Amino acid sequence: MKENGRESIKKKCFDFQGNKIQAVVSDYDGTIAVSGMKEPSEELFFLLEKLLHQNIRFISASGRQYQNLRDRFAPLADRIDYICENGSLIVYRNRIIYKDVIEREQALALIRDMQRCLDGEIMVSGVDTSYIVPKTGYFVDRLVKRVRNHVTILENFEEIEEEMIKISLFWRDGIPKEEAERFHKIYDDCLQVADGGNGWLDFTGKTSGKGNALKILAKHMGIPLENMISFGDNENDMEMLKETGQSFCMSSAKDYVKQCANHVCDSVEEVLRACIEQLWNE
């Protein structure tokens, strides 16, 4: 982790050994949406519009579902790209180019294991909807009203017919340490297991993850990773932050996440503002 501060941000945003940035990739929750925000700020849309006008791509990289992210970025939804469900789904120019699926029997076995956590709620992600068998009305309200997912309520998870790309376990009071350790011990060898923030423990295919997804997308776009800048704040952002030429971790993040980034910042907007100022001055 390197120096912080606005002058450092202005100095480093486009310092890619002569190569200018060609794409910006950012996590959503805790990074773009901070301090209880549900939607991106008006300033962010203004700044992204300017970047897109300069032919700099923007990639929304999140544990959220594809349609959810499109809704959050509605004014620019058709002009940006998406890494969804912690890297299990990649959408480039409105077309799915990658989908990492959890094999059905493995997925159902994981769900059965999750069901032993009596105080946990399970969510299974398809491409366009989240499947739940809710224990409480709170969980339904959280997903529909707060997270704003498209939700399908089932009697049993075996009713799911489509391929499963992410399975998540949610605790209202945060992930219990002993449960996190147990799930990591059992599943790290066969699945990606990551703290998604806000009480979510996420399970995806072994070849998923935001870092690997960004490699796939960068190759598809023809943009070198060193010509990208990334933003994140949580465990599921760590590999992504390591991959790009410049990376910024939010100041609210845990120290071990900050160690994966080149810089620390208070907001995405402050960095993008500095980047655009530098563009104007060239």
C-alpha atoms as a PDB file:
ATOM      1  CA  MET A   1       0.000   0.000   0.000  1.00  0.00           C
ATOM      2  CA  LYS A   2       1.448   3.345  -1.040  1.00  0.00           C
ATOM      3  CA  GLU A   3       0.929   6.958  -0.010  1.00  0.00           C
ATOM      4  CA  ASN A   4      -2.520   8.463   0.343  1.00  0.00           C
ATOM      5  CA  GLY A   5      -3.784  11.998  -0.341  1.00  0.00           C
ATOM      6  CA  ARG A   6      -5.219  14.069  -3.153  1.00  0.00           C
ATOM      7  CA  GLU A   7      -1.842  15.140  -4.574  1.00  0.00           C
ATOM      8  CA  SER A   8      -0.770  11.499  -4.742  1.00  0.00           C
ATOM      9  CA  ILE A   9      -4.051  10.615  -6.450  1.00  0.00           C
ATOM     10  CA  LYS A  10      -3.605  13.374  -9.038  1.00  0.00           C
ATOM     11  CA  LYS A  11      -0.006  12.301  -9.626  1.00  0.00           C
ATOM     12  CA  LYS A  12      -0.637   8.583  -9.945  1.00  0.00           C
ATOM     13  CA  CYS A  13      -3.998   8.213 -11.709  1.00  0.00           C
ATOM     14  CA  PHE A  14      -2.500   8.117 -15.173  1.00  0.00           C
ATOM     15  CA  ASP A  15       1.089   7.171 -14.282  1.00  0.00           C
ATOM     16  CA  PHE A  16       1.254   3.901 -16.196  1.00  0.00           C
ATOM     17  CA  GLN A  17       4.803   4.201 -17.515  1.00  0.00           C
ATOM     18  CA  GLY A  18       3.562   6.127 -20.530  1.00  0.00           C
ATOM     19  CA  ASN A  19       0.343   4.146 -21.001  1.00  0.00           C
ATOM     20  CA  LYS A  20      -2.902   5.945 -20.258  1.00  0.00           C
ATOM     21  CA  ILE A  21      -5.793   4.260 -18.549  1.00  0.00           C
ATOM     22  CA  GLN A  22      -8.264   2.564 -20.881  1.00  0.00           C
ATOM     23  CA  ALA A  23     -10.770   1.168 -18.376  1.00  0.00           C
ATOM     24  CA  VAL A  24     -12.046   1.740 -14.833  1.00  0.00           C
ATOM     25  CA  VAL A  25     -13.440  -1.167 -12.814  1.00  0.00           C
ATOM     26  CA  SER A  26     -15.207  -0.732  -9.487  1.00  0.00           C
ATOM     27  CA  ASP A  27     -16.961  -2.711  -6.824  1.00  0.00           C
ATOM     28  CA  TYR A  28     -20.403  -1.399  -5.880  1.00  0.00           C
ATOM     29  CA  ASP A  29     -21.406  -1.965  -2.231  1.00  0.00           C
ATOM     30  CA  GLY A  30     -19.097  -0.184   0.177  1.00  0.00           C
ATOM     31  CA  THR A  31     -17.178   1.379  -2.703  1.00  0.00           C
ATOM     32  CA  ILE A  32     -19.591   3.274  -4.952  1.00  0.00           C
ATOM     33  CA  ALA A  33     -22.528   2.931  -2.561  1.00  0.00           C
ATOM     34  CA  VAL A  34     -21.210   4.036   0.836  1.00  0.00           C
ATOM     35  CA  SER A  35     -22.679   5.286   4.112  1.00  0.00           C
ATOM     36  CA  GLY A  36     -26.115   3.815   3.507  1.00  0.00           C
ATOM     37  CA  MET A  37     -26.381   4.983  -0.112  1.00  0.00           C
ATOM     38  CA  LYS A  38     -28.567   2.796  -2.312  1.00  0.00           C
ATOM     39  CA  GLU A  39     -27.834   4.453  -5.644  1.00  0.00           C
ATOM     40  CA  PRO A  40     -24.708   5.953  -7.245  1.00  0.00           C
ATOM     41  CA  SER A  41     -24.258   9.668  -6.735  1.00  0.00           C
ATOM     42  CA  GLU A  42     -25.208  12.152  -9.430  1.00  0.00           C
ATOM     43  CA  GLU A  43     -21.558  13.198  -9.543  1.00  0.00           C
ATOM     44  CA  LEU A  44     -20.488   9.642 -10.348  1.00  0.00           C
ATOM     45  CA  PHE A  45     -22.770   9.535 -13.379  1.00  0.00           C
ATOM     46  CA  PHE A  46     -21.389  12.913 -14.476  1.00  0.00           C
ATOM     47  CA  LEU A  47     -17.800  11.668 -14.171  1.00  0.00           C
ATOM     48  CA  LEU A  48     -18.495   8.342 -15.882  1.00  0.00           C
ATOM     49  CA  GLU A  49     -20.109  10.173 -18.769  1.00  0.00           C
ATOM     50  CA  LYS A  50     -16.916  12.153 -19.235  1.00  0.00           C
ATOM     51  CA  LEU A  51     -14.758   9.012 -19.106  1.00  0.00           C
ATOM     52  CA  LEU A  52     -16.945   7.223 -21.628  1.00  0.00           C
ATOM     53  CA  HIS A  53     -16.714  10.274 -23.881  1.00  0.00           C
ATOM     54  CA  GLN A  54     -12.922   9.795 -23.772  1.00  0.00           C
ATOM     55  CA  ASN A  55     -13.394   6.126 -24.826  1.00  0.00           C
ATOM     56  CA  ILE A  56     -12.469   4.888 -21.352  1.00  0.00           C
ATOM     57  CA  ARG A  57     -14.628   1.858 -20.510  1.00  0.00           C
ATOM     58  CA  PHE A  58     -16.336   1.459 -17.141  1.00  0.00           C
ATOM     59  CA  ILE A  59     -16.843  -1.987 -15.602  1.00  0.00           C
ATOM     60  CA  SER A  60     -19.146  -2.557 -12.642  1.00  0.00           C
ATOM     61  CA  ALA A  61     -17.737  -5.510 -10.670  1.00  0.00           C
ATOM     62  CA  SER A  62     -19.976  -6.741  -7.878  1.00  0.00           C
ATOM     63  CA  GLY A  63     -21.450  -9.665  -6.030  1.00  0.00           C
ATOM     64  CA  ARG A  64     -24.838  -8.350  -7.190  1.00  0.00           C
ATOM     65  CA  GLN A  65     -26.907  -9.876  -9.968  1.00  0.00           C
ATOM     66  CA  TYR A  66     -26.737  -8.529 -13.530  1.00  0.00           C
ATOM     67  CA  GLN A  67     -30.203  -6.976 -13.686  1.00  0.00           C
ATOM     68  CA  ASN A  68     -29.676  -5.374 -10.287  1.00  0.00           C
ATOM     69  CA  LEU A  69     -26.520  -3.652 -11.521  1.00  0.00           C
ATOM     70  CA  ARG A  70     -28.211  -2.535 -14.725  1.00  0.00           C
ATOM     71  CA  ASP A  71     -30.913  -0.933 -12.595  1.00  0.00           C
ATOM     72  CA  ARG A  72     -28.346   0.845 -10.416  1.00  0.00           C
ATOM     73  CA  PHE A  73     -26.589   2.271 -13.477  1.00  0.00           C
ATOM     74  CA  ALA A  74     -29.767   2.802 -15.505  1.00  0.00           C
ATOM     75  CA  PRO A  75     -28.744   6.060 -17.269  1.00  0.00           C
ATOM     76  CA  LEU A  76     -25.615   4.346 -18.612  1.00  0.00           C
ATOM     77  CA  ALA A  77     -26.684   0.683 -18.443  1.00  0.00           C
ATOM     78  CA  ASP A  78     -26.181  -0.075 -22.144  1.00  0.00           C
ATOM     79  CA  ARG A  79     -22.830   1.711 -22.329  1.00  0.00           C
ATOM     80  CA  ILE A  80     -20.914  -0.046 -19.558  1.00  0.00           C
ATOM     81  CA  ASP A  81     -19.759  -3.610 -18.876  1.00  0.00           C
ATOM     82  CA  TYR A  82     -20.406  -5.940 -15.957  1.00  0.00           C
ATOM     83  CA  ILE A  83     -18.661  -8.494 -13.791  1.00  0.00           C
ATOM     84  CA  CYS A  84     -21.549  -9.939 -11.770  1.00  0.00           C
ATOM     85  CA  GLU A  85     -22.046 -12.459  -8.970  1.00  0.00           C
ATOM     86  CA  ASN A  86     -18.405 -12.179  -7.811  1.00  0.00           C
ATOM     87  CA  GLY A  87     -17.076 -12.989 -11.255  1.00  0.00           C
ATOM     88  CA  SER A  88     -19.408 -15.838 -12.135  1.00  0.00           C
ATOM     89  CA  LEU A  89     -21.023 -13.839 -14.947  1.00  0.00           C
ATOM     90  CA  ILE A  90     -19.399 -11.406 -17.383  1.00  0.00           C
ATOM     91  CA  VAL A  91     -21.436  -9.174 -19.674  1.00  0.00           C
ATOM     92  CA  TYR A  92     -19.623  -7.187 -22.363  1.00  0.00           C
ATOM     93  CA  ARG A  93     -21.551  -4.758 -24.549  1.00  0.00           C
ATOM     94  CA  ASN A  94     -24.856  -6.275 -23.400  1.00  0.00           C
ATOM     95  CA  ARG A  95     -23.818  -9.838 -24.242  1.00  0.00           C
ATOM     96  CA  ILE A  96     -22.908 -12.650 -21.827  1.00  0.00           C
ATOM     97  CA  ILE A  97     -19.374 -13.750 -22.674  1.00  0.00           C
ATOM     98  CA  TYR A  98     -18.642 -15.925 -19.611  1.00  0.00           C
ATOM     99  CA  LYS A  99     -20.625 -17.919 -17.070  1.00  0.00           C
ATOM    100  CA  ASP A 100     -19.089 -20.093 -14.336  1.00  0.00           C
ATOM    101  CA  VAL A 101     -21.567 -22.720 -13.109  1.00  0.00           C
ATOM    102  CA  ILE A 102     -21.550 -24.726  -9.884  1.00  0.00           C
ATOM    103  CA  GLU A 103     -22.276 -28.348 -10.769  1.00  0.00           C
ATOM    104  CA  ARG A 104     -25.826 -29.178  -9.664  1.00  0.00           C
ATOM    105  CA  GLU A 105     -25.092 -32.012  -7.233  1.00  0.00           C
ATOM    106  CA  GLN A 106     -22.281 -30.033  -5.660  1.00  0.00           C
ATOM    107  CA  ALA A 107     -24.581 -27.016  -5.355  1.00  0.00           C
ATOM    108  CA  LEU A 108     -27.373 -28.993  -3.689  1.00  0.00           C
ATOM    109  CA  ALA A 109     -24.907 -30.618  -1.283  1.00  0.00           C
ATOM    110  CA  LEU A 110     -23.600 -27.169  -0.318  1.00  0.00           C
ATOM    111  CA  ILE A 111     -27.151 -25.922   0.217  1.00  0.00           C
ATOM    112  CA  ARG A 112     -27.905 -28.874   2.501  1.00  0.00           C
ATOM    113  CA  ASP A 113     -24.786 -28.049   4.495  1.00  0.00           C
ATOM    114  CA  MET A 114     -25.842 -24.400   4.727  1.00  0.00           C
ATOM    115  CA  GLN A 115     -29.264 -25.406   6.016  1.00  0.00           C
ATOM    116  CA  ARG A 116     -27.699 -26.626   9.251  1.00  0.00           C
ATOM    117  CA  CYS A 117     -27.067 -22.941  10.089  1.00  0.00           C
ATOM    118  CA  LEU A 118     -30.429 -22.252  11.666  1.00  0.00           C
ATOM    119  CA  ASP A 119     -29.823 -18.491  11.890  1.00  0.00           C
ATOM    120  CA  GLY A 120     -28.614 -18.184   8.281  1.00  0.00           C
ATOM    121  CA  GLU A 121     -30.605 -17.457   5.120  1.00  0.00           C
ATOM    122  CA  ILE A 122     -29.673 -18.941   1.731  1.00  0.00           C
ATOM    123  CA  MET A 123     -29.793 -17.259  -1.676  1.00  0.00           C
ATOM    124  CA  VAL A 124     -29.042 -19.035  -4.954  1.00  0.00           C
ATOM    125  CA  SER A 125     -28.242 -16.942  -8.026  1.00  0.00           C
ATOM    126  CA  GLY A 126     -29.261 -17.672 -11.582  1.00  0.00           C
ATOM    127  CA  VAL A 127     -28.553 -15.242 -14.397  1.00  0.00           C
ATOM    128  CA  ASP A 128     -31.652 -13.061 -13.938  1.00  0.00           C
ATOM    129  CA  THR A 129     -33.114 -13.947 -10.547  1.00  0.00           C
ATOM    130  CA  SER A 130     -32.255 -14.869  -6.957  1.00  0.00           C
ATOM    131  CA  TYR A 131     -33.901 -17.991  -5.574  1.00  0.00           C
ATOM    132  CA  ILE A 132     -34.771 -18.122  -1.885  1.00  0.00           C
ATOM    133  CA  VAL A 133     -36.640 -20.303   0.578  1.00  0.00           C
ATOM    134  CA  PRO A 134     -37.046 -17.589   3.221  1.00  0.00           C
ATOM    135  CA  LYS A 135     -37.255 -18.220   6.937  1.00  0.00           C
ATOM    136  CA  THR A 136     -38.301 -14.664   7.752  1.00  0.00           C
ATOM    137  CA  GLY A 137     -40.089 -11.758   6.133  1.00  0.00           C
ATOM    138  CA  TYR A 138     -37.055  -9.631   7.001  1.00  0.00           C
ATOM    139  CA  PHE A 139     -34.918 -11.535   4.498  1.00  0.00           C
ATOM    140  CA  VAL A 140     -37.465 -11.052   1.725  1.00  0.00           C
ATOM    141  CA  ASP A 141     -37.789  -7.346   2.493  1.00  0.00           C
ATOM    142  CA  ARG A 142     -34.011  -6.930   2.579  1.00  0.00           C
ATOM    143  CA  LEU A 143     -33.524  -8.515  -0.825  1.00  0.00           C
ATOM    144  CA  VAL A 144     -36.481  -6.818  -2.498  1.00  0.00           C
ATOM    145  CA  LYS A 145     -36.520  -3.384  -0.872  1.00  0.00           C
ATOM    146  CA  ARG A 146     -32.903  -2.805   0.166  1.00  0.00           C
ATOM    147  CA  VAL A 147     -30.749  -4.884  -2.189  1.00  0.00           C
ATOM    148  CA  ARG A 148     -33.453  -4.592  -4.890  1.00  0.00           C
ATOM    149  CA  ASN A 149     -32.863  -7.988  -6.423  1.00  0.00           C
ATOM    150  CA  HIS A 150     -35.271  -9.789  -8.671  1.00  0.00           C
ATOM    151  CA  VAL A 151     -36.399 -12.596  -6.342  1.00  0.00           C
ATOM    152  CA  THR A 152     -38.106 -15.947  -6.895  1.00  0.00           C
ATOM    153  CA  ILE A 153     -39.533 -17.571  -3.756  1.00  0.00           C
ATOM    154  CA  LEU A 154     -39.519 -21.384  -3.670  1.00  0.00           C
ATOM    155  CA  GLU A 155     -40.688 -24.154  -1.376  1.00  0.00           C
ATOM    156  CA  ASN A 156     -37.491 -26.140  -1.954  1.00  0.00           C
ATOM    157  CA  PHE A 157     -34.183 -25.325  -3.640  1.00  0.00           C
ATOM    158  CA  GLU A 158     -34.429 -28.514  -5.693  1.00  0.00           C
ATOM    159  CA  GLU A 159     -37.119 -26.705  -7.708  1.00  0.00           C
ATOM    160  CA  ILE A 160     -34.384 -24.633  -9.375  1.00  0.00           C
ATOM    161  CA  GLU A 161     -34.094 -25.684 -12.999  1.00  0.00           C
ATOM    162  CA  GLU A 162     -31.506 -23.267 -14.361  1.00  0.00           C
ATOM    163  CA  GLU A 163     -27.756 -23.395 -13.773  1.00  0.00           C
ATOM    164  CA  MET A 164     -26.595 -22.015 -10.429  1.00  0.00           C
ATOM    165  CA  ILE A 165     -23.751 -19.502 -10.610  1.00  0.00           C
ATOM    166  CA  LYS A 166     -23.502 -18.325  -6.993  1.00  0.00           C
ATOM    167  CA  ILE A 167     -24.775 -19.558  -3.625  1.00  0.00           C
ATOM    168  CA  SER A 168     -24.741 -17.224  -0.643  1.00  0.00           C
ATOM    169  CA  LEU A 169     -25.362 -17.572   3.068  1.00  0.00           C
ATOM    170  CA  PHE A 170     -26.562 -14.495   4.947  1.00  0.00           C
ATOM    171  CA  TRP A 171     -26.471 -13.721   8.670  1.00  0.00           C
ATOM    172  CA  ARG A 172     -28.356 -10.658   9.836  1.00  0.00           C
ATOM    173  CA  ASP A 173     -25.815  -9.951  12.606  1.00  0.00           C
ATOM    174  CA  GLY A 174     -22.729 -10.651  10.497  1.00  0.00           C
ATOM    175  CA  ILE A 175     -20.830 -13.803   9.560  1.00  0.00           C
ATOM    176  CA  PRO A 176     -19.979 -15.881  12.666  1.00  0.00           C
ATOM    177  CA  LYS A 177     -16.230 -16.401  12.773  1.00  0.00           C
ATOM    178  CA  GLU A 178     -16.480 -20.112  13.518  1.00  0.00           C
ATOM    179  CA  GLU A 179     -18.853 -20.666  10.594  1.00  0.00           C
ATOM    180  CA  ALA A 180     -16.598 -18.753   8.203  1.00  0.00           C
ATOM    181  CA  GLU A 181     -13.635 -20.862   9.281  1.00  0.00           C
ATOM    182  CA  ARG A 182     -15.582 -24.100   8.912  1.00  0.00           C
ATOM    183  CA  PHE A 183     -16.874 -23.300   5.429  1.00  0.00           C
ATOM    184  CA  HIS A 184     -13.437 -22.180   4.263  1.00  0.00           C
ATOM    185  CA  LYS A 185     -11.864 -25.373   5.587  1.00  0.00           C
ATOM    186  CA  ILE A 186     -14.382 -27.607   3.807  1.00  0.00           C
ATOM    187  CA  TYR A 187     -14.857 -25.763   0.509  1.00  0.00           C
ATOM    188  CA  ASP A 188     -11.728 -23.760  -0.314  1.00  0.00           C
ATOM    189  CA  ASP A 189     -10.332 -26.630  -2.374  1.00  0.00           C
ATOM    190  CA  CYS A 190     -13.365 -26.907  -4.642  1.00  0.00           C
ATOM    191  CA  LEU A 191     -15.075 -23.480  -4.614  1.00  0.00           C
ATOM    192  CA  GLN A 192     -14.290 -19.799  -4.238  1.00  0.00           C
ATOM    193  CA  VAL A 193     -15.422 -18.755  -0.746  1.00  0.00           C
ATOM    194  CA  ALA A 194     -15.398 -15.039   0.047  1.00  0.00           C
ATOM    195  CA  ASP A 195     -16.788 -12.534   2.507  1.00  0.00           C
ATOM    196  CA  GLY A 196     -19.119 -10.430   0.359  1.00  0.00           C
ATOM    197  CA  GLY A 197     -19.655  -7.839   3.094  1.00  0.00           C
ATOM    198  CA  ASN A 198     -22.730  -6.969   5.157  1.00  0.00           C
ATOM    199  CA  GLY A 199     -23.186 -10.503   6.510  1.00  0.00           C
ATOM    200  CA  TRP A 200     -22.891 -12.411   3.203  1.00  0.00           C
ATOM    201  CA  LEU A 201     -20.620 -15.411   2.687  1.00  0.00           C
ATOM    202  CA  ASP A 202     -20.463 -16.133  -1.061  1.00  0.00           C
ATOM    203  CA  PHE A 203     -19.658 -19.392  -2.840  1.00  0.00           C
ATOM    204  CA  THR A 204     -18.841 -19.489  -6.553  1.00  0.00           C
ATOM    205  CA  GLY A 205     -17.095 -21.818  -8.989  1.00  0.00           C
ATOM    206  CA  LYS A 206     -13.394 -22.392  -8.516  1.00  0.00           C
ATOM    207  CA  THR A 207     -12.493 -20.458 -11.656  1.00  0.00           C
ATOM    208  CA  SER A 208     -14.657 -17.444 -10.802  1.00  0.00           C
ATOM    209  CA  GLY A 209     -13.730 -14.459  -8.648  1.00  0.00           C
ATOM    210  CA  LYS A 210     -13.457 -10.819  -9.686  1.00  0.00           C
ATOM    211  CA  GLY A 211      -9.729 -11.085 -10.391  1.00  0.00           C
ATOM    212  CA  ASN A 212     -10.021 -13.970 -12.833  1.00  0.00           C
ATOM    213  CA  ALA A 213     -13.146 -12.469 -14.402  1.00  0.00           C
ATOM    214  CA  LEU A 214     -11.288  -9.219 -14.998  1.00  0.00           C
ATOM    215  CA  LYS A 215      -8.485 -11.118 -16.749  1.00  0.00           C
ATOM    216  CA  ILE A 216     -11.038 -12.768 -19.029  1.00  0.00           C
ATOM    217  CA  LEU A 217     -12.811  -9.502 -19.775  1.00  0.00           C
ATOM    218  CA  ALA A 218      -9.580  -7.566 -20.316  1.00  0.00           C
ATOM    219  CA  LYS A 219      -8.441 -10.129 -22.877  1.00  0.00           C
ATOM    220  CA  HIS A 220     -11.821  -9.986 -24.612  1.00  0.00           C
ATOM    221  CA  MET A 221     -11.686  -6.182 -24.696  1.00  0.00           C
ATOM    222  CA  GLY A 222      -8.091  -6.108 -25.892  1.00  0.00           C
ATOM    223  CA  ILE A 223      -7.075  -3.872 -23.000  1.00  0.00           C
ATOM    224  CA  PRO A 224      -3.956  -4.684 -20.929  1.00  0.00           C
ATOM    225  CA  LEU A 225      -4.624  -5.014 -17.209  1.00  0.00           C
ATOM    226  CA  GLU A 226      -1.845  -2.520 -16.541  1.00  0.00           C
ATOM    227  CA  ASN A 227      -3.951   0.070 -18.373  1.00  0.00           C
ATOM    228  CA  MET A 228      -6.823  -0.341 -15.926  1.00  0.00           C
ATOM    229  CA  ILE A 229      -7.621   1.246 -12.577  1.00  0.00           C
ATOM    230  CA  SER A 230      -9.684  -0.582  -9.942  1.00  0.00           C
ATOM    231  CA  PHE A 231     -11.629   0.257  -6.784  1.00  0.00           C
ATOM    232  CA  GLY A 232     -12.764  -2.048  -3.958  1.00  0.00           C
ATOM    233  CA  ASP A 233     -13.268  -2.421  -0.246  1.00  0.00           C
ATOM    234  CA  ASN A 234     -13.767  -6.062   0.691  1.00  0.00           C
ATOM    235  CA  GLU A 235     -12.304  -9.554   0.613  1.00  0.00           C
ATOM    236  CA  ASN A 236     -13.971 -10.376  -2.701  1.00  0.00           C
ATOM    237  CA  ASP A 237     -12.175  -7.382  -4.300  1.00  0.00           C
ATOM    238  CA  MET A 238      -8.641  -8.350  -3.275  1.00  0.00           C
ATOM    239  CA  GLU A 239      -7.561 -10.271  -6.383  1.00  0.00           C
ATOM    240  CA  MET A 240      -9.064  -7.618  -8.645  1.00  0.00           C
ATOM    241  CA  LEU A 241      -7.127  -4.879  -6.855  1.00  0.00           C
ATOM    242  CA  LYS A 242      -3.895  -6.812  -7.395  1.00  0.00           C
ATOM    243  CA  GLU A 243      -4.469  -7.226 -11.133  1.00  0.00           C
ATOM    244  CA  THR A 244      -4.731  -3.639 -12.386  1.00  0.00           C
ATOM    245  CA  GLY A 245      -2.041  -1.090 -13.105  1.00  0.00           C
ATOM    246  CA  GLN A 246      -3.372   1.192 -10.371  1.00  0.00           C
ATOM    247  CA  SER A 247      -5.787   0.283  -7.592  1.00  0.00           C
ATOM    248  CA  PHE A 248      -7.575   2.159  -4.831  1.00  0.00           C
ATOM    249  CA  CYS A 249      -9.006   0.672  -1.653  1.00  0.00           C
ATOM    250  CA  MET A 250     -11.582   2.517   0.372  1.00  0.00           C
ATOM    251  CA  SER A 251     -10.370   4.024   3.639  1.00  0.00           C
ATOM    252  CA  SER A 252     -13.149   2.153   5.488  1.00  0.00           C
ATOM    253  CA  ALA A 253     -11.749  -1.248   4.446  1.00  0.00           C
ATOM    254  CA  LYS A 254      -9.917  -3.697   6.667  1.00  0.00           C
ATOM    255  CA  ASP A 255      -6.130  -3.403   6.682  1.00  0.00           C
ATOM    256  CA  TYR A 256      -5.524  -6.732   4.935  1.00  0.00           C
ATOM    257  CA  VAL A 257      -7.675  -5.547   2.011  1.00  0.00           C
ATOM    258  CA  LYS A 258      -5.844  -2.212   1.855  1.00  0.00           C
ATOM    259  CA  GLN A 259      -2.563  -4.095   1.485  1.00  0.00           C
ATOM    260  CA  CYS A 260      -3.748  -5.357  -1.921  1.00  0.00           C
ATOM    261  CA  ALA A 261      -4.072  -1.841  -3.386  1.00  0.00           C
ATOM    262  CA  ASN A 262      -1.609   0.839  -4.469  1.00  0.00           C
ATOM    263  CA  HIS A 263      -3.556   3.624  -2.783  1.00  0.00           C
ATOM    264  CA  VAL A 264      -6.307   4.391  -0.295  1.00  0.00           C
ATOM    265  CA  CYS A 265      -9.131   6.843  -1.008  1.00  0.00           C
ATOM    266  CA  ASP A 266     -12.321   8.104   0.614  1.00  0.00           C
ATOM    267  CA  SER A 267     -14.476   7.947  -2.515  1.00  0.00           C
ATOM    268  CA  VAL A 268     -14.411   6.793  -6.122  1.00  0.00           C
ATOM    269  CA  GLU A 269     -15.539  10.245  -7.191  1.00  0.00           C
ATOM    270  CA  GLU A 270     -12.463  11.999  -5.784  1.00  0.00           C
ATOM    271  CA  VAL A 271     -10.159   9.753  -7.796  1.00  0.00           C
ATOM    272  CA  LEU A 272     -12.138   9.986 -11.039  1.00  0.00           C
ATOM    273  CA  ARG A 273     -12.342  13.760 -10.623  1.00  0.00           C
ATOM    274  CA  ALA A 274      -8.553  13.921 -10.369  1.00  0.00           C
ATOM    275  CA  CYS A 275      -8.159  11.625 -13.365  1.00  0.00           C
ATOM    276  CA  ILE A 276     -10.402  13.807 -15.515  1.00  0.00           C
ATOM    277  CA  GLU A 277      -8.602  16.973 -14.399  1.00  0.00           C
ATOM    278  CA  GLN A 278      -5.361  15.371 -15.488  1.00  0.00           C
ATOM    279  CA  LEU A 279      -6.865  14.439 -18.859  1.00  0.00           C
ATOM    280  CA  TRP A 280      -7.962  18.029 -19.421  1.00  0.00           C
ATOM    281  CA  ASN A 281      -4.466  19.320 -18.603  1.00  0.00           C
ATOM    282  CA  GLU A 282      -2.628  17.063 -21.057  1.00  0.00           C
END
